[in-house]
Amino acid sequence: MEQWLELHKDKIEMFFIPPYSPELNPQEYVNQDFKTNIIGKKRAISKEQLKENIKGFIKKRKKDKPQLIKYLHRKHARYAT
């Protein structure tokens, strides 16, 4: 891997992040919401159905301003507001 990275360093930039962060960011709350409400409740039986479920979730969340605000006002995500 290191050799490949060295050969392609002009095309890729590596960012090293800590292996563990005790604080969730807003994106992780969205992921949790998605997994709970789409993956857990509406199991897709095909790729096409999964795509439709994802599109429906995004469309629904875009219209739900109170839920979007909740993602940002959680204790560990307030820094993003």
Foldseek 3Di string as FASTA:
>chain_A
DVVVCVVCVVPDDDDDDDPDDPFDELVVVVVVVCCVPQVVPPPDPDPVVSVVSVVVSVVVVVPVVVVSVVSQPPPRHVVVD
